[in-house]
Amino acid sequence: MARLLNVHRDLPLPQDVGSKVAMVTGDYLYYHYGCDGIDDRGWGCGYRTLQTLCSWVRFRKLKLNQDSRQTEPSLREVQEALVAMGDKKPSLIGSKEWIGSYEVCICIDHFYDVPCKILHVNSGTELIDKIPDLLQHFQEVGSPVMMGGDTDASSKGIVGICIGQQQTCLLVLDPHFYGDPTFDTLTSSSYLLWKPLDSFMENSFYNLCLPIVKKAR
């Protein structure tokens, strides 16, 4: 199944558009449930978001003429790497155990020698405090961001931010889609959408993983 490239590009901005809008810069591929023939529904969202971030890192390193592996790591390769790094027990390999932002962070470092920064908030209501960090990240680095939580356990990619007059929105790219994606199916089914900050769960903490690679000139 072919991966969609830069799927957010044709999505209109929110109606409440302010003076500050920042998006992913550079190329990435959209990874989602079942995109490689493995049915990982119910457990693979963190792995798929990791693969999306890895695709951006790979494209960026190639543009900078830096050495990089030629493909994104498979689900099994991710599990094997986490075991090899001592983060998980060998029983992870071949299992349906979830991974979160921390595992995504160390896997990107392991596979691509690229560091990541983790932003933590105790509640969705505190995300507003991290908006300056996210805005700066998209302006200065431009990579997608992985977002995970506890009560809100659904991993998601963040590929943009819009600070409006009335509200601030994050551009969410959801890996939970299963099937053959198109821009229309993703937007009509809310797998790609501008999500207001006040719609994130108050009773869930969130961790955001931000890959740090310099911008290509």
N, C-alpha and C. Protein backbone atom coordinates (compact mmCIF):
# COMPACT_ATOMS: atom_id res chain seq x y z
N MET A 1 0.84 -1.19 0.00
CA MET A 1 0.00 0.00 0.00
C MET A 1 0.89 1.25 0.00
N ALA A 2 0.65 2.15 -0.94
CA ALA A 2 1.47 3.36 -1.04
C ALA A 2 1.19 4.29 0.13
N ARG A 3 2.23 4.95 0.61
CA ARG A 3 2.10 5.92 1.69
C ARG A 3 1.80 7.30 1.09
N LEU A 4 0.90 8.02 1.72
CA LEU A 4 0.59 9.37 1.27
C LEU A 4 1.69 10.32 1.72
N LEU A 5 2.08 11.23 0.83
CA LEU A 5 3.13 12.20 1.11
C LEU A 5 2.51 13.54 1.49
N ASN A 6 2.93 14.07 2.65
CA ASN A 6 2.53 15.42 3.07
C ASN A 6 1.01 15.61 2.96
N VAL A 7 0.27 14.72 3.59
CA VAL A 7 -1.17 14.65 3.38
C VAL A 7 -1.90 15.91 3.86
N HIS A 8 -1.30 16.70 4.71
CA HIS A 8 -1.98 17.88 5.27
C HIS A 8 -1.98 19.08 4.33
N ARG A 9 -1.21 19.02 3.26
CA ARG A 9 -0.92 20.22 2.46
C ARG A 9 -2.17 20.93 1.93
N ASP A 10 -3.23 20.20 1.60
CA ASP A 10 -4.42 20.82 1.00
C ASP A 10 -5.52 21.12 2.02
N LEU A 11 -5.23 20.92 3.30
CA LEU A 11 -6.25 21.17 4.32
C LEU A 11 -6.36 22.67 4.59
N PRO A 12 -7.56 23.24 4.50
CA PRO A 12 -7.71 24.68 4.78
C PRO A 12 -7.36 24.99 6.24
N LEU A 13 -6.97 26.23 6.48
CA LEU A 13 -6.74 26.69 7.84
C LEU A 13 -8.07 26.83 8.56
N PRO A 14 -8.07 26.82 9.90
CA PRO A 14 -9.31 27.06 10.63
C PRO A 14 -9.90 28.43 10.26
N GLN A 15 -11.20 28.58 10.44
CA GLN A 15 -11.84 29.87 10.14
C GLN A 15 -11.29 30.97 11.02
N ASP A 16 -10.98 30.63 12.26
CA ASP A 16 -10.43 31.61 13.21
C ASP A 16 -8.92 31.65 13.06
N VAL A 17 -8.46 32.23 11.96
CA VAL A 17 -7.03 32.26 11.68
C VAL A 17 -6.42 33.51 12.29
N GLY A 18 -5.39 33.32 13.10
CA GLY A 18 -4.68 34.45 13.67
C GLY A 18 -3.41 34.74 12.89
N SER A 19 -2.54 35.48 13.52
CA SER A 19 -1.31 35.89 12.86
C SER A 19 -0.21 34.85 12.95
N LYS A 20 -0.43 33.81 13.77
CA LYS A 20 0.62 32.84 13.99
C LYS A 20 0.17 31.45 13.53
N VAL A 21 0.72 31.01 12.42
CA VAL A 21 0.47 29.68 11.89
C VAL A 21 1.82 29.08 11.54
N ALA A 22 2.06 27.86 11.98
CA ALA A 22 3.32 27.19 11.66
C ALA A 22 3.02 25.72 11.39
N MET A 23 3.68 25.18 10.37
CA MET A 23 3.42 23.81 9.93
C MET A 23 4.73 23.04 9.80
N VAL A 24 4.56 21.74 9.61
CA VAL A 24 5.70 20.90 9.23
C VAL A 24 6.34 21.48 7.97
N THR A 25 7.66 21.50 7.95
CA THR A 25 8.39 21.85 6.74
C THR A 25 9.20 20.63 6.30
N GLY A 26 9.25 20.40 5.01
CA GLY A 26 9.89 19.18 4.53
C GLY A 26 8.86 18.09 4.31
N ASP A 27 9.33 16.94 3.90
CA ASP A 27 8.46 15.83 3.51
C ASP A 27 8.32 14.78 4.61
N TYR A 28 7.17 14.13 4.63
CA TYR A 28 6.94 12.98 5.51
C TYR A 28 5.91 12.07 4.84
N LEU A 29 5.87 10.83 5.29
CA LEU A 29 4.89 9.85 4.82
C LEU A 29 3.90 9.55 5.94
N TYR A 30 2.66 9.32 5.57
CA TYR A 30 1.62 9.01 6.55
C TYR A 30 1.55 7.50 6.78
N TYR A 31 1.93 7.09 7.99
CA TYR A 31 1.82 5.68 8.39
C TYR A 31 0.58 5.52 9.27
N HIS A 32 -0.12 4.41 9.09
CA HIS A 32 -1.38 4.18 9.79
C HIS A 32 -1.59 2.68 9.96
N TYR A 33 -2.62 2.33 10.72
CA TYR A 33 -2.95 0.92 10.93
C TYR A 33 -2.96 0.15 9.60
N GLY A 34 -2.26 -0.98 9.58
CA GLY A 34 -2.35 -1.90 8.46
C GLY A 34 -1.66 -1.47 7.19
N CYS A 35 -0.90 -0.36 7.21
CA CYS A 35 -0.35 0.17 5.96
C CYS A 35 0.73 -0.72 5.35
N ASP A 36 1.28 -1.65 6.13
CA ASP A 36 2.29 -2.57 5.61
C ASP A 36 1.78 -4.01 5.55
N GLY A 37 0.46 -4.17 5.65
CA GLY A 37 -0.13 -5.50 5.62
C GLY A 37 -0.27 -6.16 6.97
N ILE A 38 0.24 -5.53 8.03
CA ILE A 38 0.11 -6.06 9.38
C ILE A 38 -1.08 -5.38 10.05
N ASP A 39 -2.02 -6.18 10.52
CA ASP A 39 -3.20 -5.63 11.18
C ASP A 39 -2.85 -5.33 12.64
N ASP A 40 -2.54 -4.09 12.92
CA ASP A 40 -2.13 -3.68 14.26
C ASP A 40 -3.20 -2.83 14.94
N ARG A 41 -4.44 -2.98 14.50
CA ARG A 41 -5.52 -2.21 15.12
C ARG A 41 -5.60 -2.52 16.61
N GLY A 42 -5.73 -1.47 17.41
CA GLY A 42 -5.87 -1.63 18.85
C GLY A 42 -4.57 -1.52 19.63
N TRP A 43 -3.43 -1.53 18.93
CA TRP A 43 -2.16 -1.47 19.68
C TRP A 43 -1.03 -0.76 18.94
N GLY A 44 -1.15 -0.53 17.64
CA GLY A 44 0.00 -0.07 16.88
C GLY A 44 0.11 1.42 16.64
N CYS A 45 -0.76 2.23 17.27
CA CYS A 45 -0.77 3.66 16.91
C CYS A 45 0.54 4.36 17.25
N GLY A 46 1.17 4.00 18.37
CA GLY A 46 2.44 4.62 18.71
C GLY A 46 3.53 4.27 17.71
N TYR A 47 3.54 3.02 17.26
CA TYR A 47 4.52 2.58 16.26
C TYR A 47 4.32 3.34 14.95
N ARG A 48 3.06 3.52 14.55
CA ARG A 48 2.77 4.18 13.27
C ARG A 48 3.15 5.66 13.32
N THR A 49 2.88 6.30 14.46
CA THR A 49 3.30 7.69 14.59
C THR A 49 4.82 7.79 14.57
N LEU A 50 5.49 6.86 15.22
CA LEU A 50 6.95 6.81 15.16
C LEU A 50 7.42 6.70 13.71
N GLN A 51 6.81 5.82 12.94
CA GLN A 51 7.22 5.64 11.54
C GLN A 51 7.01 6.92 10.73
N THR A 52 5.92 7.63 11.00
CA THR A 52 5.70 8.91 10.32
C THR A 52 6.82 9.89 10.65
N LEU A 53 7.18 10.00 11.94
CA LEU A 53 8.27 10.89 12.34
C LEU A 53 9.59 10.44 11.72
N CYS A 54 9.81 9.13 11.69
CA CYS A 54 11.05 8.61 11.10
C CYS A 54 11.16 8.95 9.62
N SER A 55 10.03 8.93 8.92
CA SER A 55 10.07 9.26 7.49
C SER A 55 10.52 10.70 7.30
N TRP A 56 10.05 11.60 8.16
CA TRP A 56 10.47 13.00 8.07
C TRP A 56 11.97 13.12 8.34
N VAL A 57 12.44 12.44 9.39
CA VAL A 57 13.87 12.49 9.73
C VAL A 57 14.70 11.96 8.56
N ARG A 58 14.26 10.87 7.95
CA ARG A 58 15.01 10.29 6.83
C ARG A 58 15.09 11.27 5.66
N PHE A 59 13.96 11.85 5.29
CA PHE A 59 13.96 12.83 4.20
C PHE A 59 14.85 14.02 4.52
N ARG A 60 14.78 14.49 5.76
CA ARG A 60 15.58 15.66 6.14
C ARG A 60 17.07 15.36 6.09
N LYS A 61 17.46 14.19 6.61
CA LYS A 61 18.88 13.84 6.60
C LYS A 61 19.40 13.67 5.17
N LEU A 62 18.58 13.11 4.31
CA LEU A 62 18.98 12.98 2.91
C LEU A 62 19.15 14.35 2.26
N LYS A 63 18.27 15.28 2.60
CA LYS A 63 18.38 16.63 2.05
C LYS A 63 19.63 17.34 2.55
N LEU A 64 20.05 17.00 3.77
CA LEU A 64 21.26 17.59 4.34
C LEU A 64 22.51 16.81 3.96
N ASN A 65 22.34 15.81 3.08
CA ASN A 65 23.46 14.96 2.64
C ASN A 65 24.12 14.23 3.81
N GLN A 66 23.29 13.83 4.77
CA GLN A 66 23.77 13.07 5.92
C GLN A 66 23.39 11.60 5.73
N ASP A 67 24.22 10.72 6.30
CA ASP A 67 23.93 9.29 6.22
C ASP A 67 22.62 8.98 6.93
N SER A 68 21.82 8.12 6.33
CA SER A 68 20.56 7.72 6.94
C SER A 68 20.15 6.37 6.41
N ARG A 69 19.48 5.57 7.24
CA ARG A 69 18.90 4.34 6.74
C ARG A 69 17.87 4.68 5.68
N GLN A 70 17.63 3.77 4.75
CA GLN A 70 16.83 4.06 3.57
C GLN A 70 15.34 3.80 3.75
N THR A 71 14.96 3.17 4.85
CA THR A 71 13.56 2.88 5.10
C THR A 71 13.23 3.17 6.55
N GLU A 72 11.94 3.29 6.84
CA GLU A 72 11.51 3.42 8.22
C GLU A 72 11.55 2.04 8.89
N PRO A 73 11.82 1.98 10.19
CA PRO A 73 11.87 0.69 10.88
C PRO A 73 10.49 0.03 10.90
N SER A 74 10.49 -1.29 10.74
CA SER A 74 9.24 -2.05 10.82
C SER A 74 8.80 -2.17 12.28
N LEU A 75 7.58 -2.66 12.49
CA LEU A 75 7.10 -2.85 13.85
C LEU A 75 8.02 -3.77 14.63
N ARG A 76 8.44 -4.86 14.00
CA ARG A 76 9.33 -5.80 14.68
C ARG A 76 10.69 -5.17 14.96
N GLU A 77 11.22 -4.41 14.02
CA GLU A 77 12.51 -3.76 14.24
C GLU A 77 12.45 -2.80 15.42
N VAL A 78 11.33 -2.11 15.57
CA VAL A 78 11.16 -1.21 16.72
C VAL A 78 11.17 -2.01 18.01
N GLN A 79 10.44 -3.11 18.04
CA GLN A 79 10.40 -3.93 19.25
C GLN A 79 11.77 -4.51 19.57
N GLU A 80 12.48 -4.98 18.56
CA GLU A 80 13.81 -5.53 18.77
C GLU A 80 14.77 -4.47 19.28
N ALA A 81 14.65 -3.25 18.78
CA ALA A 81 15.52 -2.17 19.23
C ALA A 81 15.25 -1.81 20.69
N LEU A 82 13.99 -1.77 21.08
CA LEU A 82 13.66 -1.44 22.47
C LEU A 82 14.18 -2.50 23.43
N VAL A 83 14.15 -3.76 23.00
CA VAL A 83 14.73 -4.83 23.82
C VAL A 83 16.24 -4.70 23.88
N ALA A 84 16.87 -4.45 22.73
CA ALA A 84 18.33 -4.32 22.67
C ALA A 84 18.82 -3.16 23.52
N MET A 85 18.04 -2.09 23.61
CA MET A 85 18.43 -0.92 24.41
C MET A 85 18.15 -1.12 25.90
N GLY A 86 17.49 -2.22 26.25
CA GLY A 86 17.19 -2.50 27.65
C GLY A 86 15.95 -1.81 28.16
N ASP A 87 15.19 -1.18 27.27
CA ASP A 87 13.98 -0.48 27.71
C ASP A 87 12.82 -1.45 27.94
N LYS A 88 12.80 -2.56 27.20
CA LYS A 88 11.71 -3.52 27.31
C LYS A 88 12.26 -4.93 27.48
N LYS A 89 11.42 -5.81 28.02
CA LYS A 89 11.79 -7.22 28.17
C LYS A 89 11.65 -7.93 26.82
N PRO A 90 12.35 -9.06 26.64
CA PRO A 90 12.28 -9.79 25.36
C PRO A 90 10.86 -10.19 24.96
N SER A 91 9.96 -10.28 25.93
CA SER A 91 8.58 -10.66 25.61
C SER A 91 7.88 -9.62 24.74
N LEU A 92 8.46 -8.42 24.61
CA LEU A 92 7.87 -7.41 23.75
C LEU A 92 7.84 -7.85 22.29
N ILE A 93 8.88 -8.57 21.87
CA ILE A 93 9.03 -8.92 20.46
C ILE A 93 7.90 -9.85 20.01
N GLY A 94 7.17 -9.43 19.02
CA GLY A 94 6.03 -10.18 18.52
C GLY A 94 4.75 -9.96 19.29
N SER A 95 4.79 -9.09 20.32
CA SER A 95 3.61 -8.84 21.14
C SER A 95 2.79 -7.68 20.57
N LYS A 96 1.70 -7.36 21.26
CA LYS A 96 0.86 -6.23 20.90
C LYS A 96 0.94 -5.14 21.96
N GLU A 97 2.08 -5.03 22.60
CA GLU A 97 2.27 -4.03 23.65
C GLU A 97 2.43 -2.64 23.03
N TRP A 98 1.77 -1.67 23.63
CA TRP A 98 1.83 -0.30 23.14
C TRP A 98 3.20 0.32 23.41
N ILE A 99 3.50 1.38 22.67
CA ILE A 99 4.64 2.23 23.00
C ILE A 99 4.15 3.68 23.06
N GLY A 100 4.91 4.51 23.81
CA GLY A 100 4.53 5.90 23.98
C GLY A 100 5.63 6.85 23.54
N SER A 101 5.51 8.09 23.99
CA SER A 101 6.42 9.14 23.53
C SER A 101 7.86 8.88 23.92
N TYR A 102 8.08 8.31 25.11
CA TYR A 102 9.46 8.04 25.51
C TYR A 102 10.11 7.02 24.58
N GLU A 103 9.38 5.94 24.29
CA GLU A 103 9.93 4.92 23.39
C GLU A 103 10.17 5.49 21.99
N VAL A 104 9.27 6.35 21.53
CA VAL A 104 9.48 7.00 20.24
C VAL A 104 10.76 7.82 20.26
N CYS A 105 10.97 8.54 21.33
CA CYS A 105 12.16 9.38 21.49
C CYS A 105 13.45 8.56 21.37
N ILE A 106 13.55 7.48 22.12
CA ILE A 106 14.81 6.72 22.11
C ILE A 106 14.97 5.92 20.82
N CYS A 107 13.86 5.57 20.17
CA CYS A 107 13.97 4.85 18.89
C CYS A 107 14.49 5.76 17.78
N ILE A 108 14.04 7.00 17.75
CA ILE A 108 14.55 7.94 16.74
C ILE A 108 16.04 8.16 16.94
N ASP A 109 16.47 8.25 18.17
CA ASP A 109 17.90 8.39 18.46
C ASP A 109 18.65 7.13 18.04
N HIS A 110 18.05 5.97 18.31
CA HIS A 110 18.70 4.69 18.00
C HIS A 110 18.84 4.48 16.49
N PHE A 111 17.78 4.73 15.75
CA PHE A 111 17.80 4.43 14.31
C PHE A 111 18.44 5.52 13.47
N TYR A 112 18.39 6.77 13.94
CA TYR A 112 18.83 7.89 13.09
C TYR A 112 19.87 8.80 13.75
N ASP A 113 20.25 8.51 14.99
CA ASP A 113 21.19 9.35 15.72
C ASP A 113 20.69 10.79 15.79
N VAL A 114 19.40 10.93 16.05
CA VAL A 114 18.76 12.24 16.15
C VAL A 114 18.12 12.35 17.53
N PRO A 115 18.47 13.38 18.30
CA PRO A 115 17.87 13.55 19.63
C PRO A 115 16.45 14.08 19.53
N CYS A 116 15.70 13.88 20.59
CA CYS A 116 14.35 14.41 20.69
C CYS A 116 14.18 15.12 22.03
N LYS A 117 13.25 16.03 22.06
CA LYS A 117 12.87 16.70 23.30
C LYS A 117 11.48 16.24 23.70
N ILE A 118 11.28 16.00 24.99
CA ILE A 118 9.97 15.61 25.50
C ILE A 118 9.36 16.78 26.26
N LEU A 119 8.14 17.15 25.89
CA LEU A 119 7.36 18.12 26.64
C LEU A 119 6.26 17.38 27.39
N HIS A 120 6.10 17.67 28.68
CA HIS A 120 5.10 16.97 29.50
C HIS A 120 4.12 17.98 30.08
N VAL A 121 2.84 17.63 30.04
CA VAL A 121 1.81 18.40 30.75
C VAL A 121 0.97 17.42 31.55
N ASN A 122 0.51 17.84 32.71
CA ASN A 122 -0.26 16.97 33.59
C ASN A 122 -1.73 16.85 33.16
N SER A 123 -2.17 17.77 32.32
CA SER A 123 -3.58 17.79 31.91
C SER A 123 -3.68 18.48 30.55
N GLY A 124 -4.73 18.12 29.81
CA GLY A 124 -4.96 18.79 28.55
C GLY A 124 -5.14 20.29 28.70
N THR A 125 -5.59 20.73 29.87
CA THR A 125 -5.76 22.16 30.11
C THR A 125 -4.43 22.90 30.18
N GLU A 126 -3.33 22.16 30.38
CA GLU A 126 -2.01 22.79 30.47
C GLU A 126 -1.30 22.87 29.12
N LEU A 127 -1.91 22.33 28.07
CA LEU A 127 -1.27 22.38 26.76
C LEU A 127 -1.01 23.82 26.31
N ILE A 128 -1.88 24.74 26.73
CA ILE A 128 -1.70 26.15 26.36
C ILE A 128 -0.33 26.66 26.80
N ASP A 129 0.20 26.11 27.90
CA ASP A 129 1.51 26.56 28.40
C ASP A 129 2.65 26.14 27.48
N LYS A 130 2.42 25.12 26.64
CA LYS A 130 3.47 24.62 25.75
C LYS A 130 3.35 25.17 24.32
N ILE A 131 2.37 26.01 24.09
CA ILE A 131 2.19 26.56 22.75
C ILE A 131 3.41 27.34 22.26
N PRO A 132 4.04 28.17 23.10
CA PRO A 132 5.26 28.85 22.62
C PRO A 132 6.35 27.87 22.20
N ASP A 133 6.50 26.76 22.94
CA ASP A 133 7.50 25.75 22.58
C ASP A 133 7.16 25.09 21.25
N LEU A 134 5.89 24.75 21.06
CA LEU A 134 5.48 24.10 19.81
C LEU A 134 5.61 25.05 18.62
N LEU A 135 5.22 26.30 18.82
CA LEU A 135 5.36 27.27 17.74
C LEU A 135 6.82 27.43 17.34
N GLN A 136 7.69 27.55 18.33
CA GLN A 136 9.12 27.67 18.05
C GLN A 136 9.65 26.43 17.36
N HIS A 137 9.16 25.26 17.78
CA HIS A 137 9.62 24.01 17.16
C HIS A 137 9.27 23.97 15.67
N PHE A 138 8.03 24.28 15.34
CA PHE A 138 7.64 24.23 13.93
C PHE A 138 8.35 25.31 13.11
N GLN A 139 8.62 26.45 13.72
CA GLN A 139 9.31 27.52 13.00
C GLN A 139 10.79 27.23 12.80
N GLU A 140 11.43 26.62 13.79
CA GLU A 140 12.89 26.46 13.75
C GLU A 140 13.34 25.07 13.32
N VAL A 141 12.53 24.05 13.57
CA VAL A 141 12.90 22.68 13.21
C VAL A 141 11.98 22.15 12.11
N GLY A 142 10.68 22.19 12.36
CA GLY A 142 9.72 21.83 11.32
C GLY A 142 9.34 20.37 11.25
N SER A 143 9.71 19.57 12.24
CA SER A 143 9.37 18.15 12.18
C SER A 143 7.97 17.90 12.75
N PRO A 144 7.32 16.80 12.35
CA PRO A 144 6.10 16.39 13.03
C PRO A 144 6.40 16.08 14.50
N VAL A 145 5.37 16.12 15.31
CA VAL A 145 5.47 15.86 16.74
C VAL A 145 4.60 14.67 17.08
N MET A 146 5.08 13.80 17.97
CA MET A 146 4.26 12.68 18.45
C MET A 146 3.64 13.08 19.78
N MET A 147 2.35 12.83 19.93
CA MET A 147 1.63 13.16 21.16
C MET A 147 0.97 11.90 21.71
N GLY A 148 1.24 11.62 22.98
CA GLY A 148 0.63 10.48 23.64
C GLY A 148 0.20 10.86 25.04
N GLY A 149 -0.66 10.04 25.64
CA GLY A 149 -1.15 10.35 26.98
C GLY A 149 -1.47 9.09 27.76
N ASP A 150 -2.21 9.25 28.86
CA ASP A 150 -2.61 8.07 29.64
C ASP A 150 -4.10 7.80 29.49
N THR A 151 -4.96 8.65 30.03
CA THR A 151 -6.39 8.47 29.81
C THR A 151 -6.72 8.60 28.33
N ASP A 152 -6.15 9.61 27.71
CA ASP A 152 -6.20 9.72 26.25
C ASP A 152 -4.99 8.96 25.71
N ALA A 153 -5.17 7.66 25.55
CA ALA A 153 -4.03 6.79 25.22
C ALA A 153 -3.80 6.66 23.72
N SER A 154 -4.56 7.39 22.92
CA SER A 154 -4.44 7.28 21.47
C SER A 154 -3.30 8.16 20.97
N SER A 155 -2.24 7.52 20.50
CA SER A 155 -1.12 8.28 19.94
C SER A 155 -1.59 9.05 18.71
N LYS A 156 -1.02 10.22 18.52
CA LYS A 156 -1.38 11.03 17.36
C LYS A 156 -0.18 11.86 16.92
N GLY A 157 -0.14 12.18 15.65
CA GLY A 157 0.87 13.08 15.14
C GLY A 157 0.35 14.51 15.13
N ILE A 158 1.23 15.47 15.39
CA ILE A 158 0.89 16.89 15.29
C ILE A 158 1.75 17.47 14.18
N VAL A 159 1.09 18.05 13.17
CA VAL A 159 1.84 18.55 12.01
C VAL A 159 1.64 20.05 11.77
N GLY A 160 1.02 20.74 12.73
CA GLY A 160 0.88 22.17 12.59
C GLY A 160 0.20 22.79 13.79
N ILE A 161 0.26 24.13 13.86
CA ILE A 161 -0.35 24.88 14.95
C ILE A 161 -0.91 26.17 14.38
N CYS A 162 -2.07 26.57 14.87
CA CYS A 162 -2.70 27.82 14.46
C CYS A 162 -3.19 28.55 15.70
N ILE A 163 -2.65 29.72 15.95
CA ILE A 163 -3.05 30.53 17.09
C ILE A 163 -4.03 31.58 16.58
N GLY A 164 -5.31 31.39 16.87
CA GLY A 164 -6.35 32.26 16.36
C GLY A 164 -6.75 33.34 17.35
N GLN A 165 -7.74 34.14 16.95
CA GLN A 165 -8.23 35.21 17.81
C GLN A 165 -9.03 34.64 18.98
N GLN A 166 -9.76 33.56 18.73
CA GLN A 166 -10.63 32.99 19.75
C GLN A 166 -10.08 31.71 20.36
N GLN A 167 -9.30 30.95 19.59
CA GLN A 167 -8.80 29.68 20.10
C GLN A 167 -7.53 29.27 19.37
N THR A 168 -6.81 28.35 19.98
CA THR A 168 -5.61 27.78 19.38
C THR A 168 -5.90 26.34 19.00
N CYS A 169 -5.46 25.94 17.81
CA CYS A 169 -5.70 24.59 17.32
C CYS A 169 -4.39 23.90 16.96
N LEU A 170 -4.37 22.59 17.15
CA LEU A 170 -3.27 21.76 16.67
C LEU A 170 -3.77 20.94 15.48
N LEU A 171 -2.92 20.78 14.49
CA LEU A 171 -3.27 19.99 13.31
C LEU A 171 -2.89 18.54 13.58
N VAL A 172 -3.90 17.70 13.79
CA VAL A 172 -3.72 16.31 14.21
C VAL A 172 -3.76 15.39 13.00
N LEU A 173 -2.77 14.51 12.92
CA LEU A 173 -2.73 13.43 11.92
C LEU A 173 -2.83 12.12 12.69
N ASP A 174 -3.97 11.47 12.57
CA ASP A 174 -4.31 10.32 13.40
C ASP A 174 -3.93 9.02 12.69
N PRO A 175 -3.13 8.15 13.34
CA PRO A 175 -2.70 6.91 12.70
C PRO A 175 -3.71 5.78 12.78
N HIS A 176 -4.89 6.01 13.36
CA HIS A 176 -5.85 4.93 13.58
C HIS A 176 -6.67 4.56 12.35
N PHE A 177 -6.44 5.23 11.24
CA PHE A 177 -7.15 4.87 10.01
C PHE A 177 -6.72 3.49 9.54
N TYR A 178 -7.69 2.70 9.07
CA TYR A 178 -7.40 1.36 8.53
C TYR A 178 -8.05 1.25 7.16
N GLY A 179 -7.27 0.95 6.17
CA GLY A 179 -7.77 0.85 4.81
C GLY A 179 -6.85 1.58 3.85
N ASP A 180 -7.41 1.98 2.71
CA ASP A 180 -6.64 2.68 1.68
C ASP A 180 -6.95 4.16 1.78
N PRO A 181 -6.06 4.97 2.33
CA PRO A 181 -6.41 6.36 2.64
C PRO A 181 -6.36 7.27 1.42
N THR A 182 -7.22 8.25 1.44
CA THR A 182 -7.15 9.39 0.52
C THR A 182 -7.32 10.65 1.37
N PHE A 183 -6.99 11.78 0.81
CA PHE A 183 -7.18 13.03 1.53
C PHE A 183 -8.63 13.20 1.95
N ASP A 184 -9.56 12.90 1.05
CA ASP A 184 -10.99 13.08 1.34
C ASP A 184 -11.46 12.16 2.46
N THR A 185 -11.04 10.89 2.43
CA THR A 185 -11.49 9.97 3.49
C THR A 185 -10.90 10.36 4.84
N LEU A 186 -9.67 10.82 4.85
CA LEU A 186 -9.04 11.20 6.12
C LEU A 186 -9.70 12.43 6.72
N THR A 187 -10.02 13.41 5.89
CA THR A 187 -10.62 14.64 6.42
C THR A 187 -12.09 14.43 6.78
N SER A 188 -12.82 13.68 5.97
CA SER A 188 -14.25 13.47 6.25
C SER A 188 -14.46 12.60 7.48
N SER A 189 -13.48 11.75 7.81
CA SER A 189 -13.60 10.87 8.98
C SER A 189 -12.79 11.38 10.17
N SER A 190 -12.27 12.60 10.08
CA SER A 190 -11.56 13.27 11.19
C SER A 190 -10.26 12.58 11.58
N TYR A 191 -9.61 11.94 10.62
CA TYR A 191 -8.26 11.43 10.87
C TYR A 191 -7.21 12.50 10.58
N LEU A 192 -7.63 13.56 9.93
CA LEU A 192 -6.79 14.73 9.69
C LEU A 192 -7.66 15.95 9.96
N LEU A 193 -7.35 16.67 11.04
CA LEU A 193 -8.23 17.79 11.41
C LEU A 193 -7.51 18.79 12.30
N TRP A 194 -8.03 20.01 12.29
CA TRP A 194 -7.61 21.03 13.25
C TRP A 194 -8.38 20.80 14.55
N LYS A 195 -7.66 20.54 15.62
CA LYS A 195 -8.29 20.17 16.90
C LYS A 195 -8.06 21.29 17.92
N PRO A 196 -9.12 21.93 18.41
CA PRO A 196 -8.95 23.00 19.40
C PRO A 196 -8.32 22.48 20.69
N LEU A 197 -7.53 23.32 21.33
CA LEU A 197 -6.86 22.89 22.56
C LEU A 197 -7.86 22.46 23.62
N ASP A 198 -9.01 23.13 23.69
CA ASP A 198 -9.96 22.80 24.76
C ASP A 198 -10.67 21.48 24.53
N SER A 199 -10.38 20.79 23.41
CA SER A 199 -10.99 19.48 23.17
C SER A 199 -10.09 18.33 23.65
N PHE A 200 -8.88 18.64 24.10
CA PHE A 200 -8.02 17.60 24.66
C PHE A 200 -8.45 17.33 26.10
N MET A 201 -8.25 16.10 26.56
CA MET A 201 -8.82 15.65 27.82
C MET A 201 -8.19 16.35 29.03
N GLU A 202 -9.06 16.86 29.89
CA GLU A 202 -8.60 17.51 31.12
C GLU A 202 -8.00 16.49 32.08
N ASN A 203 -8.52 15.25 32.06
CA ASN A 203 -8.08 14.24 33.03
C ASN A 203 -7.00 13.31 32.47
N SER A 204 -6.28 13.76 31.45
CA SER A 204 -5.19 12.97 30.88
C SER A 204 -3.92 13.80 30.86
N PHE A 205 -2.79 13.18 31.24
CA PHE A 205 -1.53 13.86 30.98
C PHE A 205 -1.15 13.63 29.52
N TYR A 206 -0.24 14.43 29.02
CA TYR A 206 0.25 14.29 27.64
C TYR A 206 1.76 14.45 27.61
N ASN A 207 2.39 13.62 26.80
CA ASN A 207 3.80 13.76 26.49
C ASN A 207 3.94 14.02 25.00
N LEU A 208 4.76 14.99 24.65
CA LEU A 208 4.99 15.32 23.25
C LEU A 208 6.46 15.10 22.93
N CYS A 209 6.72 14.36 21.86
CA CYS A 209 8.08 14.04 21.43
C CYS A 209 8.42 14.88 20.20
N LEU A 210 9.48 15.70 20.32
CA LEU A 210 9.86 16.63 19.27
C LEU A 210 11.25 16.28 18.74
N PRO A 211 11.36 15.67 17.56
CA PRO A 211 12.69 15.41 16.98
C PRO A 211 13.41 16.73 16.70
N ILE A 212 14.72 16.73 16.93
CA ILE A 212 15.51 17.94 16.76
C ILE A 212 16.53 17.73 15.64
N VAL A 213 16.21 18.22 14.46
CA VAL A 213 17.12 18.19 13.31
C VAL A 213 17.13 19.59 12.73
N LYS A 214 18.30 20.10 12.42
CA LYS A 214 18.37 21.47 11.88
C LYS A 214 17.67 21.54 10.54
N LYS A 215 17.21 22.73 10.20
CA LYS A 215 16.51 22.94 8.94
C LYS A 215 17.48 22.84 7.77
N ALA A 216 16.98 22.28 6.68
CA ALA A 216 17.77 22.26 5.45
C ALA A 216 17.72 23.64 4.80
N ARG A 217 18.82 24.05 4.22
CA ARG A 217 18.86 25.36 3.56
C ARG A 217 18.39 25.25 2.12
